PDB file of N, CA and C in Angstrom:
ATOM      1  N   MET A   1       0.813  -1.233  -0.035  1.00  0.00           N
ATOM      2  CA  MET A   1       0.139  -0.175   0.463  1.00  0.00           C
ATOM      3  C   MET A   1       1.192   1.379  -0.689  1.00  0.00           C
ATOM      4  N   ASP A   2       0.009   2.561  -0.460  1.00  0.00           N
ATOM      5  CA  ASP A   2       1.444   3.237  -0.445  1.00  0.00           C
ATOM      6  C   ASP A   2       1.297   4.203  -0.050  1.00  0.00           C
ATOM      7  N   CYS A   3       1.750   4.352   1.021  1.00  0.00           N
ATOM      8  CA  CYS A   3       0.849   5.257   2.361  1.00  0.00           C
ATOM      9  C   CYS A   3       1.814   6.848   1.882  1.00  0.00           C
ATOM     10  N   SER A   4       1.840   7.100   1.228  1.00  0.00           N
ATOM     11  CA  SER A   4       2.671   8.744   0.594  1.00  0.00           C
ATOM     12  C   SER A   4       0.681   9.811   0.535  1.00  0.00           C
ATOM     13  N   ILE A   5       0.577  10.749   0.733  1.00  0.00           N
ATOM     14  CA  ILE A   5       0.168  11.908   0.626  1.00  0.00           C
ATOM     15  C   ILE A   5      -0.686  11.871  -0.170  1.00  0.00           C
ATOM     16  N   SER A   6      -0.091  10.907  -1.058  1.00  0.00           N
ATOM     17  CA  SER A   6      -0.822  11.655  -2.737  1.00  0.00           C
ATOM     18  C   SER A   6      -1.318   9.905  -2.683  1.00  0.00           C
ATOM     19  N   GLY A   7      -0.984   8.776  -2.387  1.00  0.00           N
ATOM     20  CA  GLY A   7      -2.021   7.365  -2.076  1.00  0.00           C
ATOM     21  C   GLY A   7      -2.540   7.493  -1.027  1.00  0.00           C
ATOM     22  N   VAL A   8      -2.427   7.764   0.261  1.00  0.00           N
ATOM     23  CA  VAL A   8      -3.859   8.055   0.844  1.00  0.00           C
ATOM     24  C   VAL A   8      -4.742   8.512   0.099  1.00  0.00           C
ATOM     25  N   ILE A   9      -4.024  10.115  -0.387  1.00  0.00           N
ATOM     26  CA  ILE A   9      -5.808  10.530  -1.661  1.00  0.00           C
ATOM     27  C   ILE A   9      -6.167  10.135  -1.858  1.00  0.00           C
ATOM     28  N   GLY A  10      -4.972   9.435  -3.171  1.00  0.00           N
ATOM     29  CA  GLY A  10      -5.722   7.796  -4.198  1.00  0.00           C
ATOM     30  C   GLY A  10      -6.871   7.342  -3.864  1.00  0.00           C
ATOM     31  N   THR A  11      -6.353   6.530  -2.881  1.00  0.00           N
ATOM     32  CA  THR A  11      -7.645   5.507  -1.950  1.00  0.00           C
ATOM     33  C   THR A  11      -8.605   6.021  -1.278  1.00  0.00           C
ATOM     34  N   ILE A  12      -8.566   7.315  -0.456  1.00  0.00           N
ATOM     35  CA  ILE A  12      -9.854   7.924  -0.443  1.00  0.00           C
ATOM     36  C   ILE A  12     -10.844   8.580  -1.130  1.00  0.00           C
ATOM     37  N   ALA A  13      -9.763   9.175  -2.596  1.00  0.00           N
ATOM     38  CA  ALA A  13     -11.076   9.334  -3.430  1.00  0.00           C
ATOM     39  C   ALA A  13     -11.692   7.680  -4.173  1.00  0.00           C
ATOM     40  N   ALA A  14     -10.684   7.118  -3.864  1.00  0.00           N
ATOM     41  CA  ALA A  14     -11.389   5.371  -4.980  1.00  0.00           C
ATOM     42  C   ALA A  14     -12.379   5.164  -4.064  1.00  0.00           C
ATOM     43  N   CYS A  15     -11.905   5.122  -2.458  1.00  0.00           N
ATOM     44  CA  CYS A  15     -13.112   5.024  -1.904  1.00  0.00           C
ATOM     45  C   CYS A  15     -15.147   5.567  -2.067  1.00  0.00           C
ATOM     46  N   LEU A  16     -14.478   6.536  -1.885  1.00  0.00           N
ATOM     47  CA  LEU A  16     -15.494   8.001  -2.068  1.00  0.00           C
ATOM     48  C   LEU A  16     -15.867   7.707  -3.749  1.00  0.00           C
ATOM     49  N   SER A  17     -15.383   7.191  -4.754  1.00  0.00           N
ATOM     50  CA  SER A  17     -16.102   7.557  -6.004  1.00  0.00           C
ATOM     51  C   SER A  17     -16.948   5.714  -6.054  1.00  0.00           C
ATOM     52  N   ALA A  18     -16.448   4.798  -5.526  1.00  0.00           N
ATOM     53  CA  ALA A  18     -16.934   3.558  -5.510  1.00  0.00           C
ATOM     54  C   ALA A  18     -17.782   3.535  -4.920  1.00  0.00           C
ATOM     55  N   SER A  19     -18.362   4.792  -3.588  1.00  0.00           N
ATOM     56  CA  SER A  19     -19.476   4.293  -3.413  1.00  0.00           C
ATOM     57  C   SER A  19     -20.355   5.620  -3.281  1.00  0.00           C
ATOM     58  N   THR A  20     -20.247   6.328  -5.103  1.00  0.00           N
ATOM     59  CA  THR A  20     -21.452   7.230  -5.696  1.00  0.00           C
ATOM     60  C   THR A  20     -22.355   6.667  -5.066  1.00  0.00           C
ATOM     61  N   PHE A  21     -22.817   5.311  -5.775  1.00  0.00           N
ATOM     62  CA  PHE A  21     -24.500   5.069  -6.939  1.00  0.00           C
ATOM     63  C   PHE A  21     -24.640   4.090  -5.325  1.00  0.00           C
ATOM     64  N   VAL A  22     -24.292   3.605  -4.584  1.00  0.00           N
ATOM     65  CA  VAL A  22     -24.743   3.037  -3.276  1.00  0.00           C
ATOM     66  C   VAL A  22     -25.900   3.843  -3.157  1.00  0.00           C
ATOM     67  N   PRO A  23     -26.498   5.283  -2.948  1.00  0.00           N
ATOM     68  CA  PRO A  23     -27.748   5.466  -2.682  1.00  0.00           C
ATOM     69  C   PRO A  23     -28.448   5.452  -3.313  1.00  0.00           C
ATOM     70  N   GLN A  24     -28.718   4.984  -5.114  1.00  0.00           N
ATOM     71  CA  GLN A  24     -29.233   4.865  -5.861  1.00  0.00           C
ATOM     72  C   GLN A  24     -29.846   3.628  -5.768  1.00  0.00           C
ATOM     73  N   VAL A  25     -28.558   2.758  -5.797  1.00  0.00           N
ATOM     74  CA  VAL A  25     -29.366   1.183  -5.827  1.00  0.00           C
ATOM     75  C   VAL A  25     -30.210   1.188  -4.746  1.00  0.00           C
ATOM     76  N   TYR A  26     -29.492   1.533  -3.692  1.00  0.00           N
ATOM     77  CA  TYR A  26     -30.526   1.097  -1.937  1.00  0.00           C
ATOM     78  C   TYR A  26     -32.155   2.421  -2.430  1.00  0.00           C
ATOM     79  N   LYS A  27     -31.176   2.888  -2.720  1.00  0.00           N
ATOM     80  CA  LYS A  27     -33.452   3.901  -2.818  1.00  0.00           C
ATOM     81  C   LYS A  27     -34.313   3.145  -4.315  1.00  0.00           C
ATOM     82  N   THR A  28     -33.786   2.502  -5.387  1.00  0.00           N
ATOM     83  CA  THR A  28     -34.198   1.544  -6.613  1.00  0.00           C
ATOM     84  C   THR A  28     -34.611   0.632  -5.213  1.00  0.00           C
ATOM     85  N   TRP A  29     -33.541  -0.440  -4.299  1.00  0.00           N
ATOM     86  CA  TRP A  29     -34.232  -1.293  -4.020  1.00  0.00           C
ATOM     87  C   TRP A  29     -35.263  -1.105  -3.452  1.00  0.00           C
ATOM     88  N   LYS A  30     -35.467  -0.253  -2.475  1.00  0.00           N
ATOM     89  CA  LYS A  30     -36.617  -0.167  -1.554  1.00  0.00           C
ATOM     90  C   LYS A  30     -37.620   0.463  -1.571  1.00  0.00           C
ATOM     91  N   THR A  31     -37.274   1.115  -2.849  1.00  0.00           N
ATOM     92  CA  THR A  31     -39.183   1.917  -2.942  1.00  0.00           C
ATOM     93  C   THR A  31     -39.135   0.840  -4.221  1.00  0.00           C
ATOM     94  N   LYS A  32     -38.191  -0.236  -5.123  1.00  0.00           N
ATOM     95  CA  LYS A  32     -38.973  -1.048  -6.057  1.00  0.00           C
ATOM     96  C   LYS A  32     -39.117  -0.720  -7.213  1.00  0.00           C
ATOM     97  N   SER A  33     -38.796   1.132  -7.476  1.00  0.00           N
ATOM     98  CA  SER A  33     -39.455   1.677  -8.031  1.00  0.00           C
ATOM     99  C   SER A  33     -37.958   2.225  -8.631  1.00  0.00           C
ATOM    100  N   ALA A  34     -37.524   2.458 -10.182  1.00  0.00           N
ATOM    101  CA  ALA A  34     -36.308   2.717 -10.789  1.00  0.00           C
ATOM    102  C   ALA A  34     -36.851   4.000 -12.412  1.00  0.00           C
ATOM    103  N   LYS A  35     -38.280   4.522 -11.836  1.00  0.00           N
ATOM    104  CA  LYS A  35     -38.953   5.216 -13.108  1.00  0.00           C
ATOM    105  C   LYS A  35     -38.436   6.169 -13.855  1.00  0.00           C
ATOM    106  N   ASN A  36     -37.465   7.263 -12.733  1.00  0.00           N
ATOM    107  CA  ASN A  36     -37.028   8.169 -13.101  1.00  0.00           C
ATOM    108  C   ASN A  36     -35.687   7.992 -12.973  1.00  0.00           C
ATOM    109  N   VAL A  37     -34.974   6.741 -13.496  1.00  0.00           N
ATOM    110  CA  VAL A  37     -33.622   6.228 -13.702  1.00  0.00           C
ATOM    111  C   VAL A  37     -33.134   5.749 -14.631  1.00  0.00           C
ATOM    112  N   SER A  38     -32.126   6.712 -15.405  1.00  0.00           N
ATOM    113  CA  SER A  38     -31.450   6.596 -16.964  1.00  0.00           C
ATOM    114  C   SER A  38     -30.471   5.969 -16.296  1.00  0.00           C
ATOM    115  N   ILE A  39     -30.977   4.394 -17.519  1.00  0.00           N
ATOM    116  CA  ILE A  39     -30.227   3.417 -17.886  1.00  0.00           C
ATOM    117  C   ILE A  39     -28.964   3.709 -18.138  1.00  0.00           C
ATOM    118  N   GLN A  40     -29.191   4.301 -19.142  1.00  0.00           N
ATOM    119  CA  GLN A  40     -28.132   4.255 -20.723  1.00  0.00           C
ATOM    120  C   GLN A  40     -26.645   5.158 -19.351  1.00  0.00           C
ATOM    121  N   MET A  41     -27.093   6.297 -18.210  1.00  0.00           N
ATOM    122  CA  MET A  41     -25.916   6.468 -17.702  1.00  0.00           C
ATOM    123  C   MET A  41     -25.479   6.112 -16.925  1.00  0.00           C
ATOM    124  N   PHE A  42     -26.574   4.520 -16.929  1.00  0.00           N
ATOM    125  CA  PHE A  42     -25.779   3.396 -15.653  1.00  0.00           C
ATOM    126  C   PHE A  42     -24.607   2.510 -15.813  1.00  0.00           C
ATOM    127  N   ILE A  43     -25.313   2.385 -17.892  1.00  0.00           N
ATOM    128  CA  ILE A  43     -24.687   1.225 -19.241  1.00  0.00           C
ATOM    129  C   ILE A  43     -22.899   2.469 -19.384  1.00  0.00           C
ATOM    130  N   ILE A  44     -23.597   3.375 -19.282  1.00  0.00           N
ATOM    131  CA  ILE A  44     -22.107   4.722 -19.397  1.00  0.00           C
ATOM    132  C   ILE A  44     -21.131   3.915 -18.638  1.00  0.00           C
ATOM    133  N   SER A  45     -21.783   4.346 -17.295  1.00  0.00           N
ATOM    134  CA  SER A  45     -21.272   4.193 -16.407  1.00  0.00           C
ATOM    135  C   SER A  45     -19.933   2.524 -15.896  1.00  0.00           C
ATOM    136  N   ALA A  46     -20.617   1.771 -16.489  1.00  0.00           N
ATOM    137  CA  ALA A  46     -20.147   0.402 -16.827  1.00  0.00           C
ATOM    138  C   ALA A  46     -19.615   0.435 -16.740  1.00  0.00           C
ATOM    139  N   ILE A  47     -19.443   0.813 -18.719  1.00  0.00           N
ATOM    140  CA  ILE A  47     -18.462   0.121 -19.148  1.00  0.00           C
ATOM    141  C   ILE A  47     -17.430   1.943 -19.271  1.00  0.00           C
ATOM    142  N   THR A  48     -17.329   2.668 -18.313  1.00  0.00           N
ATOM    143  CA  THR A  48     -17.044   3.648 -17.768  1.00  0.00           C
ATOM    144  C   THR A  48     -15.397   2.713 -17.357  1.00  0.00           C
ATOM    145  N   ALA A  49     -16.122   2.062 -15.940  1.00  0.00           N
ATOM    146  CA  ALA A  49     -15.377   1.858 -15.353  1.00  0.00           C
ATOM    147  C   ALA A  49     -14.409   0.255 -15.600  1.00  0.00           C
ATOM    148  N   LEU A  50     -15.169  -0.162 -16.841  1.00  0.00           N
ATOM    149  CA  LEU A  50     -14.347  -1.912 -17.068  1.00  0.00           C
ATOM    150  C   LEU A  50     -13.268  -0.920 -17.883  1.00  0.00           C
ATOM    151  N   LEU A  51     -13.114  -0.242 -18.392  1.00  0.00           N
ATOM    152  CA  LEU A  51     -11.064   1.091 -18.485  1.00  0.00           C
ATOM    153  C   LEU A  51     -11.125   1.344 -17.601  1.00  0.00           C
ATOM    154  N   TRP A  52     -11.915   0.965 -16.927  1.00  0.00           N
ATOM    155  CA  TRP A  52     -11.156   2.110 -15.925  1.00  0.00           C
ATOM    156  C   TRP A  52      -9.742   0.693 -14.844  1.00  0.00           C
ATOM    157  N   ILE A  53     -10.908  -0.884 -15.103  1.00  0.00           N
ATOM    158  CA  ILE A  53     -10.283  -1.516 -14.224  1.00  0.00           C
ATOM    159  C   ILE A  53      -8.847  -2.340 -14.893  1.00  0.00           C
ATOM    160  N   THR A  54      -9.819  -1.900 -16.425  1.00  0.00           N
ATOM    161  CA  THR A  54      -8.099  -2.828 -17.855  1.00  0.00           C
ATOM    162  C   THR A  54      -6.594  -1.725 -17.107  1.00  0.00           C
ATOM    163  N   TYR A  55      -7.293  -0.547 -17.260  1.00  0.00           N
ATOM    164  CA  TYR A  55      -5.812   0.476 -16.497  1.00  0.00           C
ATOM    165  C   TYR A  55      -5.506   0.179 -15.176  1.00  0.00           C
ATOM    166  N   GLY A  56      -5.739   0.249 -14.466  1.00  0.00           N
ATOM    167  CA  GLY A  56      -5.009  -0.325 -12.907  1.00  0.00           C
ATOM    168  C   GLY A  56      -4.910  -1.291 -12.596  1.00  0.00           C
ATOM    169  N   ILE A  57      -5.353  -2.202 -13.186  1.00  0.00           N
ATOM    170  CA  ILE A  57      -4.701  -3.074 -13.079  1.00  0.00           C
ATOM    171  C   ILE A  57      -3.582  -3.711 -14.224  1.00  0.00           C
ATOM    172  N   GLY A  58      -3.403  -2.933 -15.202  1.00  0.00           N
ATOM    173  CA  GLY A  58      -2.678  -2.333 -16.837  1.00  0.00           C
ATOM    174  C   GLY A  58      -1.620  -1.743 -15.699  1.00  0.00           C
ATOM    175  N   THR A  59      -1.594  -0.497 -14.330  1.00  0.00           N
ATOM    176  CA  THR A  59      -0.457  -0.483 -14.324  1.00  0.00           C
ATOM    177  C   THR A  59      -0.340  -0.454 -12.905  1.00  0.00           C
ATOM    178  N   LYS A  60      -0.830  -1.475 -12.269  1.00  0.00           N
ATOM    179  CA  LYS A  60      -0.683  -1.717 -10.701  1.00  0.00           C
ATOM    180  C   LYS A  60      -1.022  -0.901 -10.078  1.00  0.00           C
ATOM    181  N   LYS A  61      -2.402  -0.054  -9.720  1.00  0.00           N
ATOM    182  CA  LYS A  61      -3.258   0.071  -9.157  1.00  0.00           C
ATOM    183  C   LYS A  61      -3.812  -0.233  -8.197  1.00  0.00           C
ATOM    184  N   PRO A  62      -3.874  -1.116  -7.202  1.00  0.00           N
ATOM    185  CA  PRO A  62      -4.903  -1.291  -7.578  1.00  0.00           C
ATOM    186  C   PRO A  62      -6.490  -0.512  -5.922  1.00  0.00           C
ATOM    187  N   PRO A  63      -6.070   0.951  -6.220  1.00  0.00           N
ATOM    188  CA  PRO A  63      -6.904   1.441  -5.833  1.00  0.00           C
ATOM    189  C   PRO A  63      -7.986   1.922  -6.567  1.00  0.00           C
ATOM    190  N   ILE A  64      -7.262   1.911  -8.177  1.00  0.00           N
ATOM    191  CA  ILE A  64      -8.022   2.244  -9.280  1.00  0.00           C
ATOM    192  C   ILE A  64      -8.429   1.384  -9.253  1.00  0.00           C
ATOM    193  N   TYR A  65      -8.757   0.508 -10.576  1.00  0.00           N
ATOM    194  CA  TYR A  65      -9.087  -1.557  -9.975  1.00  0.00           C
ATOM    195  C   TYR A  65      -9.924  -1.691  -8.865  1.00  0.00           C
ATOM    196  N   ILE A  66      -9.593  -1.970  -7.337  1.00  0.00           N
ATOM    197  CA  ILE A  66     -10.285  -2.538  -6.343  1.00  0.00           C
ATOM    198  C   ILE A  66     -11.940  -1.097  -6.839  1.00  0.00           C
ATOM    199  N   ALA A  67     -11.844   0.271  -6.371  1.00  0.00           N
ATOM    200  CA  ALA A  67     -12.181   1.211  -6.556  1.00  0.00           C
ATOM    201  C   ALA A  67     -13.329   1.288  -7.507  1.00  0.00           C
ATOM    202  N   ASN A  68     -13.276   0.966  -8.624  1.00  0.00           N
ATOM    203  CA  ASN A  68     -13.213   0.775 -10.032  1.00  0.00           C
ATOM    204  C   ASN A  68     -14.297  -0.845 -10.276  1.00  0.00           C
ATOM    205  N   ILE A  69     -13.818  -1.481 -10.000  1.00  0.00           N
ATOM    206  CA  ILE A  69     -15.652  -3.308  -9.729  1.00  0.00           C
ATOM    207  C   ILE A  69     -15.862  -3.032  -8.245  1.00  0.00           C
ATOM    208  N   ILE A  70     -16.119  -2.581  -7.718  1.00  0.00           N
ATOM    209  CA  ILE A  70     -17.133  -1.733  -6.908  1.00  0.00           C
ATOM    210  C   ILE A  70     -18.529  -0.700  -8.033  1.00  0.00           C
ATOM    211  N   GLY A  71     -17.445  -0.005  -8.450  1.00  0.00           N
ATOM    212  CA  GLY A  71     -18.443   1.015  -8.807  1.00  0.00           C
ATOM    213  C   GLY A  71     -18.978   0.195 -10.523  1.00  0.00           C
ATOM    214  N   PHE A  72     -18.503  -1.224 -11.036  1.00  0.00           N
ATOM    215  CA  PHE A  72     -19.051  -1.573 -12.288  1.00  0.00           C
ATOM    216  C   PHE A  72     -20.450  -2.214 -10.867  1.00  0.00           C
ATOM    217  N   ILE A  73     -20.192  -3.666 -10.258  1.00  0.00           N
ATOM    218  CA  ILE A  73     -21.450  -3.843  -9.991  1.00  0.00           C
ATOM    219  C   ILE A  73     -22.159  -3.775  -9.375  1.00  0.00           C
ATOM    220  N   LEU A  74     -22.111  -1.772  -8.908  1.00  0.00           N
ATOM    221  CA  LEU A  74     -23.405  -1.034  -8.662  1.00  0.00           C
ATOM    222  C   LEU A  74     -23.946  -0.508  -9.837  1.00  0.00           C
ATOM    223  N   SER A  75     -23.514  -0.079 -10.823  1.00  0.00           N
ATOM    224  CA  SER A  75     -24.140   0.584 -11.581  1.00  0.00           C
ATOM    225  C   SER A  75     -24.323  -1.452 -12.085  1.00  0.00           C
ATOM    226  N   VAL A  76     -23.717  -2.295 -12.195  1.00  0.00           N
ATOM    227  CA  VAL A  76     -24.788  -3.204 -13.544  1.00  0.00           C
ATOM    228  C   VAL A  76     -25.947  -3.601 -12.311  1.00  0.00           C
ATOM    229  N   THR A  77     -25.119  -4.044 -11.057  1.00  0.00           N
ATOM    230  CA  THR A  77     -26.867  -4.062  -9.996  1.00  0.00           C
ATOM    231  C   THR A  77     -28.318  -2.533  -9.991  1.00  0.00           C
ATOM    232  N   GLN A  78     -27.846  -2.205 -10.705  1.00  0.00           N
ATOM    233  CA  GLN A  78     -28.319  -0.810 -10.818  1.00  0.00           C
ATOM    234  C   GLN A  78     -29.112  -1.054 -12.127  1.00  0.00           C
ATOM    235  N   VAL A  79     -28.804  -1.153 -13.544  1.00  0.00           N
ATOM    236  CA  VAL A  79     -29.252  -1.692 -14.396  1.00  0.00           C
ATOM    237  C   VAL A  79     -29.881  -2.927 -14.508  1.00  0.00           C
ATOM    238  N   ASN A  80     -30.058  -3.796 -13.441  1.00  0.00           N
ATOM    239  CA  ASN A  80     -30.995  -4.749 -13.135  1.00  0.00           C
ATOM    240  C   ASN A  80     -31.707  -4.783 -12.740  1.00  0.00           C
ATOM    241  N   LEU A  81     -32.019  -3.304 -11.435  1.00  0.00           N
ATOM    242  CA  LEU A  81     -32.541  -3.284 -10.737  1.00  0.00           C
ATOM    243  C   LEU A  81     -34.290  -2.765 -11.780  1.00  0.00           C
ATOM    244  N   LYS A  82     -33.811  -1.338 -12.521  1.00  0.00           N
ATOM    245  CA  LYS A  82     -34.006  -0.866 -13.989  1.00  0.00           C
ATOM    246  C   LYS A  82     -34.788  -1.220 -14.191  1.00  0.00           C
ATOM    247  N   ILE A  83     -34.503  -2.929 -15.264  1.00  0.00           N
ATOM    248  CA  ILE A  83     -35.341  -3.301 -15.730  1.00  0.00           C
ATOM    249  C   ILE A  83     -36.196  -4.363 -14.990  1.00  0.00           C
ATOM    250  N   LYS A  84     -35.383  -5.081 -14.398  1.00  0.00           N
ATOM    251  CA  LYS A  84     -36.319  -5.097 -13.161  1.00  0.00           C
ATOM    252  C   LYS A  84     -37.891  -4.613 -12.792  1.00  0.00           C
ATOM    253  N   TYR A  85     -37.709  -3.636 -11.891  1.00  0.00           N
ATOM    254  CA  TYR A  85     -38.602  -2.941 -11.604  1.00  0.00           C
ATOM    255  C   TYR A  85     -39.894  -2.315 -13.006  1.00  0.00           C
ATOM    256  N   ASP A  86     -38.271  -1.822 -13.857  1.00  0.00           N
ATOM    257  CA  ASP A  86     -39.821  -1.520 -15.030  1.00  0.00           C
ATOM    258  C   ASP A  86     -41.096  -2.301 -15.879  1.00  0.00           C
ATOM    259  N   ARG A  87     -40.646  -3.351 -15.795  1.00  0.00           N
ATOM    260  CA  ARG A  87     -41.160  -4.603 -16.560  1.00  0.00           C
ATOM    261  C   ARG A  87     -42.265  -5.340 -15.169  1.00  0.00           C
ATOM    262  N   ALA A  88     -41.714  -4.765 -13.852  1.00  0.00           N
ATOM    263  CA  ALA A  88     -43.117  -5.055 -13.117  1.00  0.00           C
ATOM    264  C   ALA A  88     -43.880  -3.961 -13.133  1.00  0.00           C
ATOM    265  N   ASN A  89     -43.217  -2.590 -13.371  1.00  0.00           N
ATOM    266  CA  ASN A  89     -43.979  -1.256 -13.156  1.00  0.00           C
ATOM    267  C   ASN A  89     -45.309  -1.460 -14.783  1.00  0.00           C
ATOM    268  N   GLU A  90     -44.676  -2.271 -15.631  1.00  0.00           N
ATOM    269  CA  GLU A  90     -45.675  -1.773 -16.827  1.00  0.00           C
ATOM    270  C   GLU A  90     -46.732  -3.022 -16.776  1.00  0.00           C
ATOM    271  N   LYS A  91     -46.764  -4.166 -15.668  1.00  0.00           N
ATOM    272  CA  LYS A  91     -48.023  -5.266 -15.843  1.00  0.00           C
ATOM    273  C   LYS A  91     -49.080  -4.985 -14.641  1.00  0.00           C
TER     274      LYS A  91
END
């Protein structure tokens, strides 16, 4: 682990970035509604996370790839919830 100031700042930034979708995923799951959620935004986010994961692994920077693995999982979860709840609400 990089204990330099920039390493600590990078790790904190990565953790905060990874957690940005938690409130939306939780709200969607709790309300069972994704009516106003943009699926395109979460698809783009998932693709972006995959690219950052690839970069982080290639440059051997765990804060980058670990944070983006979490972001990818949350983005894909939100896309799945959007599809699930939109279909359920159409019925």
